[in-house]
Amino acid sequence: MTTLTAETSPLVRARLAGFWYLLANLFAPITLLYLPARFIVRGDAAATASNIMASESLFRLGVGLSLFTFIAQIFLALVLYQLLNVVNKNMAALMVIFALMAVPIAMLNELNQLAAVLLLSGADYLKAFTAAQLQALVYAFLRLHGQGLNIAQIFWGLWLFPMGYLVFKSGFLPRVLGLLLIVAGFGYVIQSFASLLWPSLQVDLIFVTGWGELFFLLWLLIKGVNVDQWNKRALESARSSAFG
């Protein structure tokens, strides 16, 4: 048992997962809330384009922070797999699959924001368009970026279902955290489909249901896991693999 504990270091893995969870969400308030409100004037393409041109460096920084966030999610998924696969390897693999599916969608979606900057670059080949046309295109790409986030958000919700199940069944993490993660998953999925199917409907369900991720993050960083229970699970998993 001592060897198993030394090899797996569950507390280290838990805190590492909490660290990556923090990194993966650290800039989200800036990129998803502050910057869109800073640049996009709803229904006004000219004002939106003007805001971007006035602070292009800040706009580009937002793209960079978003890409950093999505890369951090890759490491987060892998560390959580190492922590939770002792509960159920198939569910842990499903969690990783859902998490990783969101990453290329979200990263490629940032091309829509870069397209907006490109259209406002003043390049010679863009002179075929009038200023009003360029502004309309910029606004359209930014709206498309929002729809791309809605699609990625579906998988940000789906990965919380197997994660919540694993936490609930683990025995080394509080069951209530698993339930809260599942509730957060429903919030993401429902909000995404509502935004895609009824775009005029303003739904902010995540602000109500999404607290489970914050509580889970803090628990991993501060409390970690019950080491004895994690070792028990790891031993059971090893035995099951040996005889399965």
Protein backbone atom coordinates (compact mmCIF):
# COMPACT_ATOMS: atom_id res chain seq x y z
CA MET A 1 0.00 0.00 0.00
CA THR A 2 2.88 2.36 0.80
CA THR A 3 4.37 1.76 -2.64
CA LEU A 4 1.04 2.40 -4.31
CA THR A 5 0.61 5.70 -2.44
CA ALA A 6 4.12 6.82 -3.29
CA GLU A 7 3.60 6.04 -6.95
CA THR A 8 0.27 7.76 -7.36
CA SER A 9 0.59 10.71 -4.94
CA PRO A 10 -3.17 11.40 -4.86
CA LEU A 11 -2.85 14.64 -2.92
CA VAL A 12 -0.32 15.99 -5.41
CA ARG A 13 -2.54 14.96 -8.31
CA ALA A 14 -5.59 16.52 -6.69
CA ARG A 15 -3.83 19.82 -6.12
CA LEU A 16 -2.33 19.70 -9.60
CA ALA A 17 -5.84 19.19 -10.98
CA GLY A 18 -7.03 22.16 -8.92
CA PHE A 19 -4.14 24.24 -10.25
CA TRP A 20 -4.97 23.42 -13.89
CA TYR A 21 -8.67 23.98 -13.19
CA LEU A 22 -7.76 27.43 -11.90
CA LEU A 23 -5.59 28.18 -14.95
CA ALA A 24 -8.29 26.95 -17.32
CA ASN A 25 -10.79 29.37 -15.79
CA LEU A 26 -8.55 32.22 -14.66
CA PHE A 27 -9.08 34.44 -17.70
CA ALA A 28 -12.66 33.35 -18.51
CA PRO A 29 -14.25 36.40 -16.82
CA ILE A 30 -12.05 38.63 -19.00
CA THR A 31 -12.49 36.84 -22.32
CA LEU A 32 -16.15 35.86 -21.95
CA LEU A 33 -17.56 38.84 -20.05
CA TYR A 34 -15.36 41.93 -19.88
CA LEU A 35 -13.90 42.03 -23.41
CA PRO A 36 -17.15 41.32 -25.31
CA ALA A 37 -18.83 44.10 -23.32
CA ARG A 38 -15.80 46.34 -23.94
CA PHE A 39 -15.81 45.93 -27.73
CA ILE A 40 -19.23 44.84 -28.96
CA VAL A 41 -22.01 47.40 -29.17
CA ARG A 42 -25.11 45.33 -29.76
CA GLY A 43 -26.74 46.21 -33.08
CA ASP A 44 -24.11 48.85 -33.96
CA ALA A 45 -21.48 47.51 -36.39
CA ALA A 46 -19.76 50.90 -36.81
CA ALA A 47 -19.27 51.45 -33.08
CA THR A 48 -18.07 47.87 -32.63
CA ALA A 49 -15.47 48.27 -35.40
CA SER A 50 -14.38 51.58 -33.94
CA ASN A 51 -13.84 50.02 -30.51
CA ILE A 52 -11.67 47.27 -31.98
CA MET A 53 -9.56 49.71 -34.00
CA ALA A 54 -9.06 51.90 -30.94
CA SER A 55 -7.76 48.99 -28.83
CA GLU A 56 -6.53 46.37 -31.27
CA SER A 57 -3.77 45.17 -28.94
CA LEU A 58 -6.28 44.51 -26.17
CA PHE A 59 -8.53 42.69 -28.62
CA ARG A 60 -5.63 40.49 -29.76
CA LEU A 61 -4.65 39.87 -26.14
CA GLY A 62 -8.15 38.51 -25.59
CA VAL A 63 -7.62 36.00 -28.39
CA GLY A 64 -4.30 34.95 -26.86
CA LEU A 65 -5.84 34.51 -23.41
CA SER A 66 -8.63 32.40 -24.89
CA LEU A 67 -6.12 30.12 -26.61
CA PHE A 68 -4.19 29.79 -23.34
CA THR A 69 -7.43 28.80 -21.61
CA PHE A 70 -8.21 26.08 -24.14
CA ILE A 71 -4.67 24.65 -23.95
CA ALA A 72 -4.92 24.55 -20.14
CA GLN A 73 -8.12 22.53 -20.49
CA ILE A 74 -6.15 19.76 -22.21
CA PHE A 75 -3.81 19.38 -19.23
CA LEU A 76 -6.73 19.66 -16.83
CA ALA A 77 -8.56 16.78 -18.50
CA LEU A 78 -5.47 14.56 -18.43
CA VAL A 79 -4.71 15.26 -14.76
CA LEU A 80 -8.33 14.65 -13.77
CA TYR A 81 -8.19 11.36 -15.65
CA GLN A 82 -5.20 10.28 -13.56
CA LEU A 83 -7.06 11.25 -10.40
CA LEU A 84 -10.47 9.75 -11.21
CA ASN A 85 -9.81 6.72 -13.40
CA VAL A 86 -9.46 4.55 -10.29
CA VAL A 87 -13.24 4.88 -9.91
CA ASN A 88 -14.22 3.84 -13.42
CA LYS A 89 -11.84 3.89 -16.37
CA ASN A 90 -14.58 3.97 -19.02
CA MET A 91 -16.33 6.97 -17.47
CA ALA A 92 -12.98 8.72 -16.97
CA ALA A 93 -12.15 8.14 -20.64
CA LEU A 94 -15.55 9.53 -21.66
CA MET A 95 -14.87 12.61 -19.53
CA VAL A 96 -11.58 13.20 -21.35
CA ILE A 97 -13.16 12.64 -24.79
CA PHE A 98 -15.87 15.25 -24.14
CA ALA A 99 -13.32 17.71 -22.74
CA LEU A 100 -10.93 17.32 -25.65
CA MET A 101 -13.70 17.62 -28.26
CA ALA A 102 -14.40 21.15 -27.05
CA VAL A 103 -10.79 22.29 -27.49
CA PRO A 104 -10.40 22.26 -31.32
CA ILE A 105 -13.89 23.75 -31.72
CA ALA A 106 -13.07 26.61 -29.36
CA MET A 107 -9.58 27.21 -30.75
CA LEU A 108 -10.67 27.27 -34.40
CA ASN A 109 -13.53 29.54 -33.38
CA GLU A 110 -10.96 32.21 -32.47
CA LEU A 111 -10.35 32.59 -36.22
CA ASN A 112 -13.60 34.54 -36.31
CA GLN A 113 -12.10 37.15 -33.99
CA LEU A 114 -8.88 37.26 -35.98
CA ALA A 115 -10.95 37.70 -39.14
CA ALA A 116 -12.51 40.79 -37.58
CA VAL A 117 -9.04 42.28 -36.98
CA LEU A 118 -7.97 41.37 -40.51
CA LEU A 119 -10.97 43.12 -42.04
CA LEU A 120 -10.04 46.30 -40.18
CA SER A 121 -6.35 46.13 -41.11
CA GLY A 122 -6.68 48.57 -44.04
CA ALA A 123 -4.95 46.20 -46.46
CA ASP A 124 -5.11 47.16 -50.15
CA TYR A 125 -7.13 44.10 -51.18
CA LEU A 126 -9.91 45.19 -48.81
CA LYS A 127 -10.50 48.41 -50.72
CA ALA A 128 -13.05 46.54 -52.83
CA PHE A 129 -15.35 46.85 -49.80
CA THR A 130 -16.87 50.05 -48.48
CA ALA A 131 -16.30 51.01 -44.87
CA ALA A 132 -19.88 50.10 -44.03
CA GLN A 133 -19.49 46.67 -45.63
CA LEU A 134 -16.30 45.98 -43.69
CA GLN A 135 -17.95 47.02 -40.45
CA ALA A 136 -20.92 44.75 -41.17
CA LEU A 137 -18.57 41.84 -41.88
CA VAL A 138 -16.66 42.47 -38.65
CA TYR A 139 -19.89 42.43 -36.68
CA ALA A 140 -21.03 39.25 -38.45
CA PHE A 141 -17.77 37.45 -37.60
CA LEU A 142 -18.07 38.46 -33.96
CA ARG A 143 -21.64 37.15 -33.86
CA LEU A 144 -20.39 33.93 -35.46
CA HIS A 145 -17.74 33.71 -32.76
CA GLY A 146 -20.49 33.80 -30.16
CA GLN A 147 -22.28 30.92 -31.89
CA GLY A 148 -19.04 28.95 -31.99
CA LEU A 149 -18.70 29.36 -28.23
CA ASN A 150 -22.23 28.00 -27.84
CA ILE A 151 -21.21 24.86 -29.71
CA ALA A 152 -18.02 24.39 -27.66
CA GLN A 153 -20.04 25.04 -24.52
CA ILE A 154 -22.12 21.92 -25.21
CA PHE A 155 -19.02 19.80 -24.63
CA TRP A 156 -17.97 21.94 -21.65
CA GLY A 157 -21.26 20.79 -20.19
CA LEU A 158 -21.16 17.17 -21.35
CA TRP A 159 -17.78 16.46 -19.75
CA LEU A 160 -19.20 17.45 -16.37
CA PHE A 161 -21.66 14.52 -16.41
CA PRO A 162 -19.06 11.71 -16.28
CA MET A 163 -16.88 13.87 -14.01
CA GLY A 164 -19.76 14.41 -11.62
CA TYR A 165 -20.55 10.69 -11.67
CA LEU A 166 -16.94 9.80 -10.87
CA VAL A 167 -16.77 12.31 -8.02
CA PHE A 168 -20.11 11.10 -6.62
CA LYS A 169 -19.01 7.43 -6.73
CA SER A 170 -15.40 8.01 -5.69
CA GLY A 171 -15.60 7.84 -1.90
CA PHE A 172 -12.55 10.09 -1.67
CA LEU A 173 -14.38 13.30 -2.64
CA PRO A 174 -17.66 14.70 -1.24
CA ARG A 175 -20.72 13.35 -3.03
CA VAL A 176 -22.34 16.78 -3.06
CA LEU A 177 -19.56 18.04 -5.36
CA GLY A 178 -20.48 15.35 -7.88
CA LEU A 179 -24.13 16.41 -7.80
CA LEU A 180 -23.19 20.06 -8.23
CA LEU A 181 -20.99 19.22 -11.23
CA ILE A 182 -23.88 17.37 -12.89
CA VAL A 183 -26.17 20.35 -12.25
CA ALA A 184 -23.52 22.60 -13.86
CA GLY A 185 -23.41 20.26 -16.84
CA PHE A 186 -27.15 20.61 -17.36
CA GLY A 187 -26.76 24.39 -17.14
CA TYR A 188 -24.16 24.50 -19.91
CA VAL A 189 -26.04 22.17 -22.24
CA ILE A 190 -29.44 23.78 -21.75
CA GLN A 191 -28.05 27.30 -22.18
CA SER A 192 -26.14 26.32 -25.31
CA PHE A 193 -29.11 24.76 -27.08
CA ALA A 194 -31.42 27.56 -25.94
CA SER A 195 -29.04 30.15 -27.41
CA LEU A 196 -28.74 28.22 -30.69
CA LEU A 197 -32.45 27.49 -31.10
CA TRP A 198 -33.85 30.75 -29.74
CA PRO A 199 -31.13 33.40 -30.30
CA SER A 200 -33.38 36.25 -29.19
CA LEU A 201 -33.80 34.60 -25.78
CA GLN A 202 -31.33 35.88 -23.22
CA VAL A 203 -30.43 32.90 -21.02
CA ASP A 204 -27.89 33.18 -18.19
CA LEU A 205 -28.45 29.79 -16.61
CA ILE A 206 -24.75 29.12 -16.07
CA PHE A 207 -24.47 31.93 -13.55
CA VAL A 208 -26.97 30.01 -11.41
CA THR A 209 -25.87 26.40 -12.04
CA GLY A 210 -22.13 26.78 -12.56
CA TRP A 211 -21.02 27.14 -8.93
CA GLY A 212 -20.21 23.44 -8.71
CA GLU A 213 -17.03 23.87 -10.75
CA LEU A 214 -15.79 26.63 -8.45
CA PHE A 215 -16.47 24.56 -5.33
CA PHE A 216 -14.77 21.53 -6.91
CA LEU A 217 -11.74 23.63 -7.88
CA LEU A 218 -11.40 25.04 -4.36
CA TRP A 219 -11.83 21.62 -2.77
CA LEU A 220 -9.05 20.15 -4.91
CA LEU A 221 -6.70 23.03 -4.09
CA ILE A 222 -7.44 23.25 -0.36
CA LYS A 223 -8.54 19.81 0.80
CA GLY A 224 -7.36 17.49 -1.96
CA VAL A 225 -8.69 13.95 -1.56
CA ASN A 226 -9.11 11.38 1.17
CA VAL A 227 -5.84 9.52 0.63
CA ASP A 228 -6.89 6.30 2.35
CA GLN A 229 -10.05 6.06 0.28
CA TRP A 230 -8.18 6.91 -2.94
CA ASN A 231 -5.61 4.18 -2.20
CA LYS A 232 -8.42 1.72 -1.51
CA ARG A 233 -10.01 2.58 -4.85
CA ALA A 234 -6.68 2.33 -6.66
CA LEU A 235 -6.02 -1.10 -5.17
CA GLU A 236 -9.49 -2.31 -6.16
CA SER A 237 -8.97 -0.97 -9.69
CA ALA A 238 -5.59 -2.70 -9.97
CA ARG A 239 -7.06 -5.99 -8.79
CA SER A 240 -9.99 -5.66 -11.20
CA SER A 241 -7.58 -5.05 -14.09
CA ALA A 242 -5.43 -8.00 -13.09
CA PHE A 243 -8.35 -10.43 -12.97
CA GLY A 244 -10.45 -8.80 -15.71
